[in-house]
């Protein structure tokens, strides 16, 4: 699958967490993730960011995404 940037979104999610200063177990909302990508990687579609939040990270009951250590 082709990527728009030098890394796939899956890896850019890790960059986002580091940029936000998040540690494993801390959370961020989907909206924060979409906003971060809009600012740093504007060609990434919001739906793609949301899908990666759901796919590669665990979502809690309040729609905040929790970082996992895998």
N, C-alpha and C. Protein backbone atom coordinates (compact mmCIF):
# COMPACT_ATOMS: atom_id res chain seq x y z
N UNK A 1 0.84 -1.18 0.00
CA UNK A 1 0.00 0.00 0.00
C UNK A 1 0.89 1.25 0.00
N UNK A 2 0.58 2.19 -0.82
CA UNK A 2 1.36 3.43 -0.92
C UNK A 2 1.07 4.34 0.27
N UNK A 3 2.08 5.12 0.64
CA UNK A 3 1.91 6.08 1.73
C UNK A 3 2.09 7.49 1.17
N UNK A 4 1.41 8.45 1.79
CA UNK A 4 1.52 9.85 1.38
C UNK A 4 2.81 10.48 1.88
N UNK A 5 3.29 9.98 2.99
CA UNK A 5 4.46 10.55 3.65
C UNK A 5 5.56 9.51 3.77
N UNK A 6 6.64 9.86 4.47
CA UNK A 6 7.77 8.95 4.57
C UNK A 6 7.50 7.75 5.47
N UNK A 7 6.43 7.80 6.26
CA UNK A 7 6.04 6.70 7.14
C UNK A 7 4.55 6.43 6.96
N UNK A 8 4.14 5.20 7.21
CA UNK A 8 2.70 4.92 7.19
C UNK A 8 2.02 5.52 8.43
N UNK A 9 0.72 5.70 8.36
CA UNK A 9 -0.04 6.31 9.46
C UNK A 9 0.17 5.53 10.76
N UNK A 10 0.27 4.22 10.67
CA UNK A 10 0.51 3.39 11.85
C UNK A 10 1.72 3.87 12.64
N UNK A 11 2.80 4.21 11.95
CA UNK A 11 4.00 4.71 12.62
C UNK A 11 3.89 6.17 12.98
N UNK A 12 3.17 6.93 12.17
CA UNK A 12 2.97 8.35 12.50
C UNK A 12 2.16 8.51 13.79
N UNK A 13 1.32 7.52 14.11
CA UNK A 13 0.58 7.57 15.38
C UNK A 13 1.56 7.57 16.56
N UNK A 14 2.64 6.84 16.44
CA UNK A 14 3.65 6.83 17.49
C UNK A 14 4.34 8.19 17.58
N UNK A 15 4.60 8.80 16.43
CA UNK A 15 5.18 10.14 16.41
C UNK A 15 4.24 11.14 17.08
N UNK A 16 2.95 10.99 16.81
CA UNK A 16 1.95 11.87 17.41
C UNK A 16 1.98 11.75 18.93
N UNK A 17 1.99 10.52 19.43
CA UNK A 17 2.01 10.30 20.88
C UNK A 17 3.25 10.92 21.51
N UNK A 18 4.39 10.75 20.86
CA UNK A 18 5.63 11.35 21.37
C UNK A 18 5.56 12.87 21.34
N UNK A 19 5.03 13.40 20.25
CA UNK A 19 4.90 14.86 20.11
C UNK A 19 3.98 15.43 21.18
N UNK A 20 2.95 14.67 21.56
CA UNK A 20 2.02 15.11 22.58
C UNK A 20 2.54 14.85 23.98
N UNK A 21 3.70 14.21 24.08
CA UNK A 21 4.29 13.92 25.39
C UNK A 21 3.56 12.83 26.16
N UNK A 22 2.86 11.95 25.44
CA UNK A 22 2.08 10.90 26.10
C UNK A 22 2.96 9.71 26.45
N UNK A 23 2.64 9.11 27.57
CA UNK A 23 3.31 7.89 28.03
C UNK A 23 2.30 6.75 27.96
N UNK A 24 2.77 5.48 27.93
CA UNK A 24 1.84 4.36 27.93
C UNK A 24 0.85 4.48 29.09
N UNK A 25 -0.42 4.25 28.76
CA UNK A 25 -1.47 4.36 29.76
C UNK A 25 -2.17 5.71 29.78
N UNK A 26 -1.53 6.75 29.23
CA UNK A 26 -2.18 8.04 29.11
C UNK A 26 -3.09 8.02 27.90
N UNK A 27 -4.03 8.95 27.86
CA UNK A 27 -5.01 8.91 26.78
C UNK A 27 -5.09 10.21 26.00
N UNK A 28 -5.69 10.09 24.83
CA UNK A 28 -6.02 11.25 24.01
C UNK A 28 -7.31 10.92 23.27
N UNK A 29 -8.01 11.94 22.85
CA UNK A 29 -9.27 11.71 22.15
C UNK A 29 -9.03 11.53 20.66
N UNK A 30 -10.01 10.98 19.99
CA UNK A 30 -9.93 10.88 18.53
C UNK A 30 -9.80 12.27 17.91
N UNK A 31 -10.53 13.21 18.48
CA UNK A 31 -10.48 14.58 17.96
C UNK A 31 -9.07 15.17 18.07
N UNK A 32 -8.39 14.89 19.17
CA UNK A 32 -7.01 15.36 19.30
C UNK A 32 -6.11 14.73 18.24
N UNK A 33 -6.32 13.46 17.97
CA UNK A 33 -5.52 12.77 16.96
C UNK A 33 -5.80 13.36 15.57
N UNK A 34 -7.07 13.54 15.25
CA UNK A 34 -7.43 14.11 13.95
C UNK A 34 -6.84 15.51 13.81
N UNK A 35 -6.91 16.31 14.86
CA UNK A 35 -6.36 17.68 14.84
C UNK A 35 -4.85 17.66 14.65
N UNK A 36 -4.16 16.76 15.35
CA UNK A 36 -2.71 16.68 15.23
C UNK A 36 -2.32 16.34 13.79
N UNK A 37 -3.01 15.38 13.20
CA UNK A 37 -2.71 15.02 11.82
C UNK A 37 -3.04 16.17 10.87
N UNK A 38 -4.11 16.88 11.12
CA UNK A 38 -4.47 18.03 10.27
C UNK A 38 -3.37 19.08 10.28
N UNK A 39 -2.74 19.26 11.42
CA UNK A 39 -1.66 20.24 11.55
C UNK A 39 -0.33 19.75 10.99
N UNK A 40 -0.01 18.47 11.20
CA UNK A 40 1.31 17.95 10.84
C UNK A 40 1.35 17.17 9.53
N UNK A 41 0.25 16.50 9.20
CA UNK A 41 0.16 15.69 7.98
C UNK A 41 -1.20 15.93 7.34
N UNK A 42 -1.41 17.12 6.79
CA UNK A 42 -2.76 17.53 6.34
C UNK A 42 -3.37 16.70 5.21
N UNK A 43 -2.59 15.93 4.50
CA UNK A 43 -3.16 15.11 3.43
C UNK A 43 -3.74 13.79 3.95
N UNK A 44 -3.56 13.53 5.24
CA UNK A 44 -4.12 12.32 5.83
C UNK A 44 -5.59 12.57 6.15
N UNK A 45 -6.45 11.72 5.66
CA UNK A 45 -7.89 11.89 5.86
C UNK A 45 -8.27 11.61 7.32
N UNK A 46 -9.21 12.40 7.86
CA UNK A 46 -9.67 12.15 9.24
C UNK A 46 -10.17 10.73 9.46
N UNK A 47 -10.83 10.16 8.47
CA UNK A 47 -11.31 8.78 8.60
C UNK A 47 -10.18 7.78 8.73
N UNK A 48 -9.07 8.06 8.07
CA UNK A 48 -7.90 7.19 8.17
C UNK A 48 -7.34 7.24 9.58
N UNK A 49 -7.25 8.44 10.14
CA UNK A 49 -6.74 8.60 11.51
C UNK A 49 -7.65 7.86 12.48
N UNK A 50 -8.96 8.05 12.34
CA UNK A 50 -9.91 7.38 13.21
C UNK A 50 -9.80 5.87 13.10
N UNK A 51 -9.68 5.37 11.88
CA UNK A 51 -9.54 3.92 11.69
C UNK A 51 -8.30 3.38 12.37
N UNK A 52 -7.21 4.12 12.30
CA UNK A 52 -5.98 3.66 12.95
C UNK A 52 -6.10 3.73 14.47
N UNK A 53 -6.83 4.70 14.97
CA UNK A 53 -7.08 4.75 16.42
C UNK A 53 -7.81 3.49 16.84
N UNK A 54 -8.81 3.11 16.09
CA UNK A 54 -9.63 1.94 16.42
C UNK A 54 -8.86 0.64 16.21
N UNK A 55 -8.03 0.61 15.19
CA UNK A 55 -7.37 -0.64 14.81
C UNK A 55 -6.16 -0.94 15.68
N UNK A 56 -5.31 0.04 15.91
CA UNK A 56 -4.02 -0.27 16.53
C UNK A 56 -3.93 0.14 17.99
N UNK A 57 -4.93 0.85 18.47
CA UNK A 57 -4.92 1.29 19.86
C UNK A 57 -6.22 0.90 20.53
N UNK A 58 -6.18 0.74 21.82
CA UNK A 58 -7.35 0.32 22.56
C UNK A 58 -8.22 1.53 22.90
N UNK A 59 -9.53 1.42 22.68
CA UNK A 59 -10.44 2.54 22.95
C UNK A 59 -11.23 2.25 24.21
N UNK A 60 -11.28 3.24 25.11
CA UNK A 60 -12.01 3.03 26.35
C UNK A 60 -13.47 3.46 26.20
N UNK A 61 -14.22 3.35 27.26
CA UNK A 61 -15.65 3.61 27.24
C UNK A 61 -15.99 5.07 26.92
N UNK A 62 -15.09 6.01 27.16
CA UNK A 62 -15.37 7.43 26.96
C UNK A 62 -14.84 7.94 25.63
N UNK A 63 -14.54 7.05 24.69
CA UNK A 63 -14.04 7.40 23.36
C UNK A 63 -12.66 8.06 23.41
N UNK A 64 -11.93 7.88 24.49
CA UNK A 64 -10.55 8.31 24.53
C UNK A 64 -9.70 7.11 24.15
N UNK A 65 -8.62 7.34 23.45
CA UNK A 65 -7.76 6.26 22.99
C UNK A 65 -6.62 6.10 23.97
N UNK A 66 -6.41 4.89 24.43
CA UNK A 66 -5.35 4.61 25.38
C UNK A 66 -4.16 4.02 24.65
N UNK A 67 -2.98 4.53 24.94
CA UNK A 67 -1.78 3.97 24.34
C UNK A 67 -1.49 2.62 24.96
N UNK A 68 -1.05 1.70 24.14
CA UNK A 68 -0.62 0.41 24.64
C UNK A 68 0.86 0.28 24.35
N UNK A 69 1.49 -0.66 24.97
CA UNK A 69 2.95 -0.78 24.82
C UNK A 69 3.36 -1.74 23.70
N UNK A 70 2.47 -2.12 22.78
CA UNK A 70 2.88 -2.99 21.69
C UNK A 70 3.06 -2.26 20.42
